[in-house]
Amino acid sequence: MAINLQKGQKIELGLTKMTIGLGWDPNESHGGGTFDLDASAIMIDSDRKLVGDEYFVFYNNLNSPDGALQHTGDDPDGKSSDGDDDEAIVIDLEKVDPRVEEILFVVTIEDFERKKQNFGMVRNSYIRVVDNHNHQEIAKYELDEDFSIETGVEFGRLYKRNGSWKFEASGIGYRADLGFFLEKYYKGQIIK
């Protein structure tokens, strides 16, 4: 039986091979055109910085160099999921680079400024953890707040404590794009 998580709730996972599924439904009544939401995973170290460029897993970098994370690909309009996850990241925690202490899962709205879109126009948003051995859902966090100005949301995070991995339902919204998250966690200089 899956655990329905509340914002800020943390659970012990007890598994190493999982899929983080993210889903959402654009609210077509807003007339904002098609919605392109993008799921990303940010692998950060003990200083809360990106371990390296290639540890930012998203639609243009589908695999982490340690082989631990594999993004299943971009769903550019949110319509190909048919009730299932819109985007997913397959994870093997046994392969995670030892420098990685935390993996953040964020979803951003592509081209939100031009299309005048935000998460208030998206419904049924969730993040879930699925056990890859039996394909059972372990935990799910449904975003129930009205993020009426936010364009980027940290849905959840995996983090290491005392050698074991835990999952936390975050639900932290930002008025930001994918570049914001890269800048926030990147060690070097970003050339725009």
N, C-alpha and C. Protein backbone atom coordinates (compact mmCIF):
# COMPACT_ATOMS: atom_id res chain seq x y z
N MET A 1 0.85 -1.18 0.00
CA MET A 1 0.00 0.00 0.00
C MET A 1 0.89 1.24 0.00
N ALA A 2 0.66 2.13 -0.92
CA ALA A 2 1.47 3.34 -1.05
C ALA A 2 1.16 4.33 0.08
N ILE A 3 2.18 5.09 0.44
CA ILE A 3 2.03 6.13 1.45
C ILE A 3 1.72 7.44 0.72
N ASN A 4 0.65 8.11 1.13
CA ASN A 4 0.35 9.44 0.60
C ASN A 4 1.06 10.45 1.48
N LEU A 5 2.06 11.11 0.92
CA LEU A 5 2.89 12.03 1.69
C LEU A 5 2.29 13.42 1.76
N GLN A 6 2.59 14.09 2.85
CA GLN A 6 2.25 15.50 3.03
C GLN A 6 3.53 16.31 2.79
N LYS A 7 3.37 17.58 2.49
CA LYS A 7 4.52 18.46 2.29
C LYS A 7 5.44 18.40 3.50
N GLY A 8 6.74 18.17 3.24
CA GLY A 8 7.74 18.11 4.29
C GLY A 8 7.90 16.74 4.94
N GLN A 9 7.02 15.80 4.61
CA GLN A 9 7.11 14.46 5.20
C GLN A 9 8.29 13.70 4.60
N LYS A 10 8.98 12.93 5.46
CA LYS A 10 10.15 12.16 5.05
C LYS A 10 9.90 10.69 5.32
N ILE A 11 10.40 9.84 4.42
CA ILE A 11 10.28 8.40 4.63
C ILE A 11 11.60 7.71 4.33
N GLU A 12 11.83 6.60 5.00
CA GLU A 12 12.95 5.71 4.72
C GLU A 12 12.52 4.86 3.53
N LEU A 13 13.41 4.67 2.56
CA LEU A 13 13.01 3.96 1.35
C LEU A 13 13.17 2.44 1.44
N GLY A 14 14.33 1.99 1.85
CA GLY A 14 14.55 0.56 1.95
C GLY A 14 14.66 -0.14 0.61
N LEU A 15 14.94 0.59 -0.46
CA LEU A 15 15.17 -0.02 -1.77
C LEU A 15 16.19 0.81 -2.53
N THR A 16 16.81 0.20 -3.52
CA THR A 16 17.86 0.90 -4.26
C THR A 16 17.49 1.17 -5.71
N LYS A 17 16.59 0.36 -6.27
CA LYS A 17 16.19 0.54 -7.66
C LYS A 17 14.75 1.02 -7.70
N MET A 18 14.57 2.24 -8.23
CA MET A 18 13.25 2.85 -8.21
C MET A 18 13.08 3.75 -9.42
N THR A 19 11.86 4.16 -9.63
CA THR A 19 11.55 5.17 -10.64
C THR A 19 10.84 6.30 -9.94
N ILE A 20 11.31 7.51 -10.19
CA ILE A 20 10.62 8.70 -9.72
C ILE A 20 9.75 9.16 -10.87
N GLY A 21 8.44 9.06 -10.68
CA GLY A 21 7.50 9.46 -11.71
C GLY A 21 6.91 10.82 -11.37
N LEU A 22 6.80 11.67 -12.38
CA LEU A 22 6.20 12.99 -12.19
C LEU A 22 5.07 13.14 -13.18
N GLY A 23 3.95 13.67 -12.69
CA GLY A 23 2.80 13.81 -13.57
C GLY A 23 2.06 15.11 -13.33
N TRP A 24 1.30 15.51 -14.33
CA TRP A 24 0.53 16.74 -14.27
C TRP A 24 -0.47 16.76 -15.42
N ASP A 25 -1.49 17.57 -15.26
CA ASP A 25 -2.47 17.78 -16.32
C ASP A 25 -2.62 19.28 -16.55
N PRO A 26 -2.36 19.75 -17.76
CA PRO A 26 -2.60 21.16 -18.06
C PRO A 26 -4.09 21.45 -17.95
N ASN A 27 -4.42 22.58 -17.37
CA ASN A 27 -5.81 23.00 -17.27
C ASN A 27 -6.17 23.75 -18.55
N GLU A 28 -6.77 23.05 -19.50
CA GLU A 28 -7.01 23.61 -20.83
C GLU A 28 -7.90 24.85 -20.81
N SER A 29 -8.69 25.02 -19.74
CA SER A 29 -9.62 26.16 -19.70
C SER A 29 -8.90 27.50 -19.56
N HIS A 30 -7.59 27.48 -19.26
CA HIS A 30 -6.86 28.73 -19.11
C HIS A 30 -6.46 29.35 -20.45
N GLY A 31 -6.57 28.61 -21.51
CA GLY A 31 -6.30 29.15 -22.83
C GLY A 31 -4.87 29.59 -23.05
N GLY A 32 -3.94 29.02 -22.30
CA GLY A 32 -2.54 29.41 -22.43
C GLY A 32 -1.80 28.62 -23.49
N GLY A 33 -2.51 27.92 -24.33
CA GLY A 33 -1.85 27.10 -25.36
C GLY A 33 -1.34 25.82 -24.75
N THR A 34 -0.42 25.17 -25.44
CA THR A 34 0.13 23.91 -24.93
C THR A 34 1.10 24.19 -23.79
N PHE A 35 1.15 23.27 -22.86
CA PHE A 35 2.05 23.35 -21.72
C PHE A 35 3.19 22.38 -21.92
N ASP A 36 4.42 22.85 -21.78
CA ASP A 36 5.59 21.98 -21.84
C ASP A 36 6.27 22.05 -20.49
N LEU A 37 6.00 21.06 -19.64
CA LEU A 37 6.64 20.98 -18.34
C LEU A 37 7.81 20.02 -18.42
N ASP A 38 8.89 20.38 -17.77
CA ASP A 38 10.11 19.58 -17.85
C ASP A 38 10.56 19.14 -16.47
N ALA A 39 10.75 17.83 -16.30
CA ALA A 39 11.27 17.27 -15.06
C ALA A 39 12.78 17.19 -15.15
N SER A 40 13.45 17.53 -14.05
CA SER A 40 14.91 17.48 -13.99
C SER A 40 15.34 16.91 -12.65
N ALA A 41 16.52 16.33 -12.63
CA ALA A 41 17.12 15.84 -11.38
C ALA A 41 18.48 16.51 -11.23
N ILE A 42 18.72 17.05 -10.04
CA ILE A 42 19.96 17.78 -9.76
C ILE A 42 20.71 17.03 -8.67
N MET A 43 21.88 16.49 -9.02
CA MET A 43 22.67 15.69 -8.09
C MET A 43 23.69 16.60 -7.40
N ILE A 44 23.50 16.83 -6.08
CA ILE A 44 24.34 17.79 -5.39
C ILE A 44 25.16 17.14 -4.27
N ASP A 45 26.25 17.83 -3.92
CA ASP A 45 27.18 17.31 -2.92
C ASP A 45 26.89 17.88 -1.54
N SER A 46 27.79 17.64 -0.61
CA SER A 46 27.59 18.08 0.78
C SER A 46 27.59 19.60 0.93
N ASP A 47 28.14 20.32 -0.06
CA ASP A 47 28.11 21.78 -0.05
C ASP A 47 26.84 22.32 -0.74
N ARG A 48 25.93 21.42 -1.08
CA ARG A 48 24.69 21.74 -1.81
C ARG A 48 24.99 22.39 -3.17
N LYS A 49 26.01 21.86 -3.82
CA LYS A 49 26.38 22.30 -5.17
C LYS A 49 26.38 21.09 -6.11
N LEU A 50 26.11 21.37 -7.37
CA LEU A 50 26.10 20.35 -8.41
C LEU A 50 27.47 19.67 -8.46
N VAL A 51 27.48 18.34 -8.45
CA VAL A 51 28.74 17.59 -8.47
C VAL A 51 29.53 17.91 -9.75
N GLY A 52 28.84 18.10 -10.86
CA GLY A 52 29.45 18.45 -12.14
C GLY A 52 28.34 18.69 -13.14
N ASP A 53 28.64 19.38 -14.23
CA ASP A 53 27.63 19.72 -15.25
C ASP A 53 26.76 18.52 -15.64
N GLU A 54 27.43 17.39 -15.87
CA GLU A 54 26.74 16.21 -16.38
C GLU A 54 25.86 15.54 -15.32
N TYR A 55 25.89 16.05 -14.08
CA TYR A 55 25.04 15.52 -13.01
C TYR A 55 23.72 16.31 -12.91
N PHE A 56 23.47 17.14 -13.90
CA PHE A 56 22.19 17.84 -14.04
C PHE A 56 21.44 17.06 -15.12
N VAL A 57 20.50 16.21 -14.71
CA VAL A 57 19.82 15.30 -15.63
C VAL A 57 18.48 15.92 -16.03
N PHE A 58 18.32 16.14 -17.35
CA PHE A 58 17.11 16.77 -17.87
C PHE A 58 16.97 16.36 -19.34
N TYR A 59 16.04 17.00 -20.06
CA TYR A 59 15.72 16.56 -21.44
C TYR A 59 16.91 16.62 -22.41
N ASN A 60 17.94 17.43 -22.11
CA ASN A 60 19.11 17.49 -22.99
C ASN A 60 20.29 16.68 -22.47
N ASN A 61 20.15 16.09 -21.29
CA ASN A 61 21.18 15.22 -20.70
C ASN A 61 20.43 14.12 -19.96
N LEU A 62 20.11 13.04 -20.66
CA LEU A 62 19.21 12.02 -20.13
C LEU A 62 19.86 11.05 -19.14
N ASN A 63 21.19 11.01 -19.07
CA ASN A 63 21.86 10.04 -18.18
C ASN A 63 22.95 10.70 -17.35
N SER A 64 23.01 10.33 -16.07
CA SER A 64 24.11 10.81 -15.24
C SER A 64 25.34 9.96 -15.55
N PRO A 65 26.55 10.53 -15.43
CA PRO A 65 27.77 9.81 -15.82
C PRO A 65 28.06 8.58 -14.97
N ASP A 66 27.50 8.52 -13.76
CA ASP A 66 27.73 7.35 -12.91
C ASP A 66 26.78 6.20 -13.25
N GLY A 67 25.85 6.44 -14.18
CA GLY A 67 24.90 5.40 -14.58
C GLY A 67 23.75 5.22 -13.60
N ALA A 68 23.64 6.11 -12.61
CA ALA A 68 22.61 5.97 -11.58
C ALA A 68 21.25 6.50 -11.99
N LEU A 69 21.23 7.54 -12.81
CA LEU A 69 19.96 8.17 -13.21
C LEU A 69 19.78 8.12 -14.72
N GLN A 70 18.57 7.79 -15.13
CA GLN A 70 18.22 7.80 -16.55
C GLN A 70 16.85 8.46 -16.70
N HIS A 71 16.83 9.59 -17.38
CA HIS A 71 15.59 10.32 -17.67
C HIS A 71 14.95 9.62 -18.87
N THR A 72 13.65 9.37 -18.79
CA THR A 72 13.00 8.63 -19.88
C THR A 72 12.65 9.48 -21.09
N GLY A 73 12.88 10.81 -20.99
CA GLY A 73 12.67 11.68 -22.15
C GLY A 73 11.59 12.72 -21.92
N ASP A 74 11.61 13.71 -22.78
CA ASP A 74 10.73 14.86 -22.67
C ASP A 74 9.33 14.54 -23.19
N ASP A 75 8.32 14.99 -22.45
CA ASP A 75 6.93 14.94 -22.91
C ASP A 75 6.55 16.40 -23.17
N PRO A 76 6.67 16.88 -24.42
CA PRO A 76 6.56 18.31 -24.69
C PRO A 76 5.18 18.94 -24.51
N ASP A 77 4.12 18.13 -24.39
CA ASP A 77 2.81 18.76 -24.23
C ASP A 77 1.97 18.16 -23.11
N GLY A 78 2.50 17.16 -22.39
CA GLY A 78 1.76 16.57 -21.28
C GLY A 78 0.59 15.70 -21.71
N LYS A 79 0.51 15.40 -22.98
CA LYS A 79 -0.66 14.66 -23.48
C LYS A 79 -0.35 13.20 -23.79
N SER A 80 0.91 12.81 -23.77
CA SER A 80 1.24 11.45 -24.16
C SER A 80 1.20 10.47 -23.00
N SER A 81 0.91 10.94 -21.79
CA SER A 81 0.97 10.07 -20.63
C SER A 81 -0.29 9.24 -20.43
N ASP A 82 -1.45 9.75 -20.85
CA ASP A 82 -2.71 9.03 -20.73
C ASP A 82 -2.94 8.51 -19.31
N GLY A 83 -2.80 9.41 -18.33
CA GLY A 83 -3.05 9.04 -16.95
C GLY A 83 -1.83 8.51 -16.21
N ASP A 84 -0.78 8.17 -16.93
CA ASP A 84 0.44 7.70 -16.28
C ASP A 84 1.38 8.88 -16.06
N ASP A 85 2.61 8.57 -15.62
CA ASP A 85 3.61 9.61 -15.39
C ASP A 85 3.91 10.33 -16.71
N ASP A 86 4.03 11.66 -16.64
CA ASP A 86 4.39 12.43 -17.84
C ASP A 86 5.87 12.28 -18.14
N GLU A 87 6.69 12.35 -17.10
CA GLU A 87 8.12 12.13 -17.25
C GLU A 87 8.59 11.31 -16.06
N ALA A 88 9.63 10.55 -16.26
CA ALA A 88 10.13 9.69 -15.18
C ALA A 88 11.65 9.63 -15.21
N ILE A 89 12.21 9.37 -14.05
CA ILE A 89 13.65 9.21 -13.90
C ILE A 89 13.90 7.89 -13.20
N VAL A 90 14.57 6.98 -13.90
CA VAL A 90 14.87 5.65 -13.37
C VAL A 90 16.18 5.75 -12.58
N ILE A 91 16.18 5.20 -11.36
CA ILE A 91 17.31 5.39 -10.45
C ILE A 91 17.82 4.06 -9.91
N ASP A 92 19.14 3.94 -9.85
CA ASP A 92 19.81 2.84 -9.16
C ASP A 92 20.74 3.48 -8.13
N LEU A 93 20.32 3.50 -6.88
CA LEU A 93 21.09 4.18 -5.83
C LEU A 93 22.45 3.53 -5.58
N GLU A 94 22.61 2.27 -5.94
CA GLU A 94 23.90 1.60 -5.75
C GLU A 94 24.98 2.16 -6.68
N LYS A 95 24.57 2.82 -7.75
CA LYS A 95 25.53 3.39 -8.71
C LYS A 95 25.82 4.86 -8.48
N VAL A 96 25.11 5.51 -7.56
CA VAL A 96 25.26 6.95 -7.36
C VAL A 96 26.69 7.28 -6.93
N ASP A 97 27.28 8.26 -7.60
CA ASP A 97 28.62 8.74 -7.27
C ASP A 97 28.67 9.04 -5.76
N PRO A 98 29.72 8.59 -5.06
CA PRO A 98 29.79 8.80 -3.60
C PRO A 98 29.79 10.26 -3.17
N ARG A 99 30.10 11.18 -4.08
CA ARG A 99 30.07 12.61 -3.73
C ARG A 99 28.64 13.14 -3.63
N VAL A 100 27.69 12.43 -4.22
CA VAL A 100 26.30 12.90 -4.24
C VAL A 100 25.64 12.61 -2.89
N GLU A 101 25.13 13.67 -2.27
CA GLU A 101 24.44 13.55 -0.98
C GLU A 101 22.94 13.75 -1.11
N GLU A 102 22.54 14.33 -2.25
CA GLU A 102 21.13 14.69 -2.40
C GLU A 102 20.80 14.74 -3.89
N ILE A 103 19.57 14.33 -4.23
CA ILE A 103 19.08 14.43 -5.60
C ILE A 103 17.74 15.17 -5.54
N LEU A 104 17.71 16.36 -6.14
CA LEU A 104 16.50 17.17 -6.15
C LEU A 104 15.72 16.91 -7.43
N PHE A 105 14.41 16.88 -7.31
CA PHE A 105 13.54 16.68 -8.47
C PHE A 105 12.69 17.93 -8.65
N VAL A 106 12.94 18.61 -9.76
CA VAL A 106 12.23 19.86 -10.03
C VAL A 106 11.48 19.76 -11.35
N VAL A 107 10.40 20.53 -11.43
CA VAL A 107 9.64 20.61 -12.68
C VAL A 107 9.50 22.10 -13.01
N THR A 108 9.82 22.44 -14.24
CA THR A 108 9.73 23.83 -14.69
C THR A 108 8.82 23.90 -15.92
N ILE A 109 8.27 25.08 -16.14
CA ILE A 109 7.42 25.31 -17.31
C ILE A 109 8.25 26.00 -18.38
N GLU A 110 8.42 25.33 -19.50
CA GLU A 110 9.19 25.87 -20.62
C GLU A 110 8.44 27.05 -21.25
N ASP A 111 9.16 28.13 -21.52
CA ASP A 111 8.61 29.28 -22.24
C ASP A 111 7.43 29.92 -21.51
N PHE A 112 7.47 29.91 -20.17
CA PHE A 112 6.34 30.41 -19.37
C PHE A 112 6.08 31.90 -19.55
N GLU A 113 7.14 32.68 -19.81
CA GLU A 113 6.94 34.13 -19.94
C GLU A 113 6.13 34.46 -21.19
N ARG A 114 6.55 33.91 -22.30
CA ARG A 114 5.85 34.19 -23.56
C ARG A 114 4.41 33.67 -23.52
N LYS A 115 4.23 32.50 -22.94
CA LYS A 115 2.90 31.88 -22.91
C LYS A 115 2.07 32.34 -21.70
N LYS A 116 2.70 33.12 -20.80
CA LYS A 116 2.00 33.60 -19.59
C LYS A 116 1.40 32.44 -18.80
N GLN A 117 2.24 31.45 -18.49
CA GLN A 117 1.79 30.26 -17.79
C GLN A 117 2.42 30.17 -16.41
N ASN A 118 1.73 29.46 -15.50
CA ASN A 118 2.28 29.17 -14.17
C ASN A 118 1.64 27.89 -13.65
N PHE A 119 2.11 27.43 -12.49
CA PHE A 119 1.61 26.17 -11.95
C PHE A 119 0.16 26.25 -11.47
N GLY A 120 -0.39 27.46 -11.34
CA GLY A 120 -1.80 27.60 -11.02
C GLY A 120 -2.68 27.12 -12.17
N MET A 121 -2.10 27.01 -13.36
CA MET A 121 -2.83 26.56 -14.54
C MET A 121 -2.65 25.05 -14.78
N VAL A 122 -1.99 24.39 -13.84
CA VAL A 122 -1.71 22.96 -13.95
C VAL A 122 -2.42 22.27 -12.80
N ARG A 123 -3.03 21.13 -13.07
CA ARG A 123 -3.71 20.41 -11.99
C ARG A 123 -3.20 18.97 -11.92
N ASN A 124 -3.57 18.30 -10.84
CA ASN A 124 -3.19 16.89 -10.63
C ASN A 124 -1.69 16.66 -10.69
N SER A 125 -0.90 17.59 -10.14
CA SER A 125 0.55 17.45 -10.15
C SER A 125 1.00 16.53 -9.01
N TYR A 126 1.94 15.65 -9.32
CA TYR A 126 2.42 14.74 -8.28
C TYR A 126 3.84 14.27 -8.57
N ILE A 127 4.46 13.73 -7.53
CA ILE A 127 5.71 12.98 -7.65
C ILE A 127 5.47 11.67 -6.92
N ARG A 128 5.98 10.58 -7.48
CA ARG A 128 5.79 9.30 -6.81
C ARG A 128 7.05 8.45 -6.93
N VAL A 129 7.19 7.53 -5.99
CA VAL A 129 8.32 6.61 -5.96
C VAL A 129 7.77 5.22 -6.25
N VAL A 130 8.33 4.57 -7.28
CA VAL A 130 7.88 3.24 -7.67
C VAL A 130 9.05 2.27 -7.52
N ASP A 131 8.80 1.13 -6.87
CA ASP A 131 9.80 0.07 -6.70
C ASP A 131 9.98 -0.62 -8.06
N ASN A 132 11.21 -0.63 -8.58
CA ASN A 132 11.45 -1.22 -9.91
C ASN A 132 11.38 -2.74 -9.92
N HIS A 133 11.46 -3.38 -8.74
CA HIS A 133 11.39 -4.85 -8.70
C HIS A 133 9.97 -5.36 -8.94
N ASN A 134 8.99 -4.72 -8.30
CA ASN A 134 7.61 -5.22 -8.43
C ASN A 134 6.66 -4.19 -9.06
N HIS A 135 7.20 -3.03 -9.44
CA HIS A 135 6.44 -1.96 -10.09
C HIS A 135 5.31 -1.41 -9.21
N GLN A 136 5.45 -1.57 -7.91
CA GLN A 136 4.47 -1.05 -6.96
C GLN A 136 4.84 0.36 -6.54
N GLU A 137 3.83 1.20 -6.40
CA GLU A 137 4.04 2.56 -5.93
C GLU A 137 4.30 2.50 -4.41
N ILE A 138 5.41 3.11 -3.99
CA ILE A 138 5.79 3.12 -2.58
C ILE A 138 5.21 4.35 -1.88
N ALA A 139 5.36 5.48 -2.53
CA ALA A 139 4.90 6.73 -1.94
C ALA A 139 4.52 7.71 -3.03
N LYS A 140 3.60 8.62 -2.70
CA LYS A 140 3.15 9.63 -3.65
C LYS A 140 2.88 10.92 -2.90
N TYR A 141 3.31 12.01 -3.53
CA TYR A 141 3.03 13.34 -2.98
C TYR A 141 2.30 14.13 -4.05
N GLU A 142 1.08 14.54 -3.73
CA GLU A 142 0.29 15.33 -4.66
C GLU A 142 0.37 16.80 -4.26
N LEU A 143 0.74 17.62 -5.22
CA LEU A 143 0.87 19.06 -4.98
C LEU A 143 -0.53 19.64 -4.85
N ASP A 144 -0.90 20.02 -3.63
CA ASP A 144 -2.26 20.50 -3.44
C ASP A 144 -2.36 22.00 -3.24
N GLU A 145 -1.23 22.68 -3.23
CA GLU A 145 -1.27 24.13 -3.08
C GLU A 145 -1.54 24.79 -4.44
N ASP A 146 -2.02 26.01 -4.39
CA ASP A 146 -2.24 26.75 -5.62
C ASP A 146 -1.02 27.61 -5.88
N PHE A 147 -0.15 27.14 -6.75
CA PHE A 147 1.05 27.88 -7.10
C PHE A 147 0.70 28.83 -8.25
N SER A 148 0.04 29.94 -7.93
CA SER A 148 -0.52 30.80 -8.97
C SER A 148 0.50 31.72 -9.65
N ILE A 149 1.69 31.88 -9.06
CA ILE A 149 2.71 32.68 -9.76
C ILE A 149 3.97 31.86 -10.03
N GLU A 150 4.08 30.69 -9.43
CA GLU A 150 5.29 29.89 -9.55
C GLU A 150 5.38 29.19 -10.91
N THR A 151 6.59 29.13 -11.43
CA THR A 151 6.82 28.50 -12.73
C THR A 151 7.85 27.38 -12.63
N GLY A 152 8.37 27.17 -11.44
CA GLY A 152 9.29 26.07 -11.16
C GLY A 152 8.99 25.54 -9.77
N VAL A 153 8.92 24.22 -9.62
CA VAL A 153 8.61 23.63 -8.32
C VAL A 153 9.58 22.50 -8.02
N GLU A 154 10.16 22.55 -6.81
CA GLU A 154 10.93 21.41 -6.31
C GLU A 154 9.91 20.46 -5.70
N PHE A 155 9.66 19.34 -6.38
CA PHE A 155 8.63 18.40 -5.95
C PHE A 155 9.10 17.54 -4.78
N GLY A 156 10.35 17.09 -4.84
CA GLY A 156 10.84 16.20 -3.80
C GLY A 156 12.33 16.01 -3.92
N ARG A 157 12.87 15.26 -2.95
CA ARG A 157 14.31 15.01 -2.98
C ARG A 157 14.63 13.69 -2.31
N LEU A 158 15.66 13.05 -2.85
CA LEU A 158 16.28 11.90 -2.21
C LEU A 158 17.50 12.44 -1.48
N TYR A 159 17.74 12.00 -0.27
CA TYR A 159 18.93 12.47 0.43
C TYR A 159 19.49 11.36 1.31
N LYS A 160 20.82 11.42 1.49
CA LYS A 160 21.54 10.39 2.23
C LYS A 160 21.73 10.83 3.67
N ARG A 161 21.36 9.98 4.62
CA ARG A 161 21.60 10.21 6.03
C ARG A 161 22.11 8.93 6.66
N ASN A 162 23.27 9.02 7.28
CA ASN A 162 23.88 7.85 7.94
C ASN A 162 23.95 6.64 7.01
N GLY A 163 24.31 6.90 5.76
CA GLY A 163 24.53 5.82 4.79
C GLY A 163 23.28 5.27 4.14
N SER A 164 22.08 5.74 4.52
CA SER A 164 20.87 5.23 3.86
C SER A 164 20.11 6.39 3.22
N TRP A 165 19.36 6.06 2.18
CA TRP A 165 18.64 7.06 1.40
C TRP A 165 17.22 7.23 1.92
N LYS A 166 16.79 8.46 1.99
CA LYS A 166 15.42 8.81 2.40
C LYS A 166 14.81 9.68 1.31
N PHE A 167 13.49 9.80 1.34
CA PHE A 167 12.78 10.65 0.39
C PHE A 167 11.98 11.68 1.17
N GLU A 168 12.01 12.93 0.69
CA GLU A 168 11.21 13.99 1.30
C GLU A 168 10.34 14.64 0.24
N ALA A 169 9.06 14.83 0.58
CA ALA A 169 8.14 15.58 -0.28
C ALA A 169 8.37 17.06 -0.01
N SER A 170 8.85 17.80 -1.02
CA SER A 170 9.25 19.19 -0.80
C SER A 170 8.12 20.19 -1.05
N GLY A 171 7.65 20.26 -2.29
CA GLY A 171 6.58 21.20 -2.63
C GLY A 171 6.98 22.65 -2.45
N ILE A 172 8.18 23.02 -2.93
CA ILE A 172 8.66 24.40 -2.82
C ILE A 172 8.58 25.06 -4.19
N GLY A 173 7.82 26.15 -4.28
CA GLY A 173 7.63 26.82 -5.56
C GLY A 173 8.53 28.02 -5.74
N TYR A 174 8.89 28.28 -6.98
CA TYR A 174 9.75 29.42 -7.34
C TYR A 174 9.18 30.09 -8.59
N ARG A 175 9.38 31.37 -8.72
CA ARG A 175 9.08 32.05 -9.98
C ARG A 175 10.39 32.00 -10.77
N ALA A 176 10.61 30.91 -11.45
CA ALA A 176 11.93 30.66 -12.04
C ALA A 176 11.83 29.67 -13.19
N ASP A 177 12.91 29.62 -13.98
CA ASP A 177 13.01 28.66 -15.07
C ASP A 177 14.11 27.66 -14.74
N LEU A 178 14.40 26.80 -15.69
CA LEU A 178 15.42 25.76 -15.48
C LEU A 178 16.78 26.38 -15.20
N GLY A 179 17.09 27.50 -15.84
CA GLY A 179 18.36 28.20 -15.63
C GLY A 179 18.56 28.63 -14.19
N PHE A 180 17.48 29.00 -13.51
CA PHE A 180 17.56 29.40 -12.11
C PHE A 180 18.12 28.27 -11.25
N PHE A 181 17.61 27.06 -11.48
CA PHE A 181 18.07 25.92 -10.68
C PHE A 181 19.53 25.58 -11.00
N LEU A 182 19.89 25.74 -12.25
CA LEU A 182 21.28 25.49 -12.63
C LEU A 182 22.20 26.50 -11.93
N GLU A 183 21.82 27.77 -11.97
CA GLU A 183 22.63 28.81 -11.32
C GLU A 183 22.71 28.60 -9.81
N LYS A 184 21.60 28.19 -9.21
CA LYS A 184 21.53 28.02 -7.75
C LYS A 184 22.51 26.95 -7.27
N TYR A 185 22.69 25.90 -8.05
CA TYR A 185 23.51 24.77 -7.61
C TYR A 185 24.83 24.61 -8.34
N TYR A 186 25.08 25.45 -9.34
CA TYR A 186 26.31 25.32 -10.14
C TYR A 186 27.48 26.00 -9.45
N LYS A 187 28.66 25.36 -9.48
CA LYS A 187 29.86 25.90 -8.82
C LYS A 187 30.56 26.97 -9.65
N GLY A 188 30.55 26.81 -10.95
CA GLY A 188 31.32 27.70 -11.83
C GLY A 188 30.52 28.90 -12.30
N GLN A 189 31.04 29.55 -13.32
CA GLN A 189 30.38 30.71 -13.90
C GLN A 189 29.54 30.27 -15.09
N ILE A 190 28.32 30.78 -15.15
CA ILE A 190 27.43 30.46 -16.26
C ILE A 190 27.51 31.59 -17.27
N ILE A 191 27.81 31.23 -18.51
CA ILE A 191 27.92 32.23 -19.58
C ILE A 191 26.59 32.26 -20.31
N LYS A 192 25.98 33.44 -20.34
CA LYS A 192 24.66 33.55 -21.00
C LYS A 192 24.79 34.20 -22.34
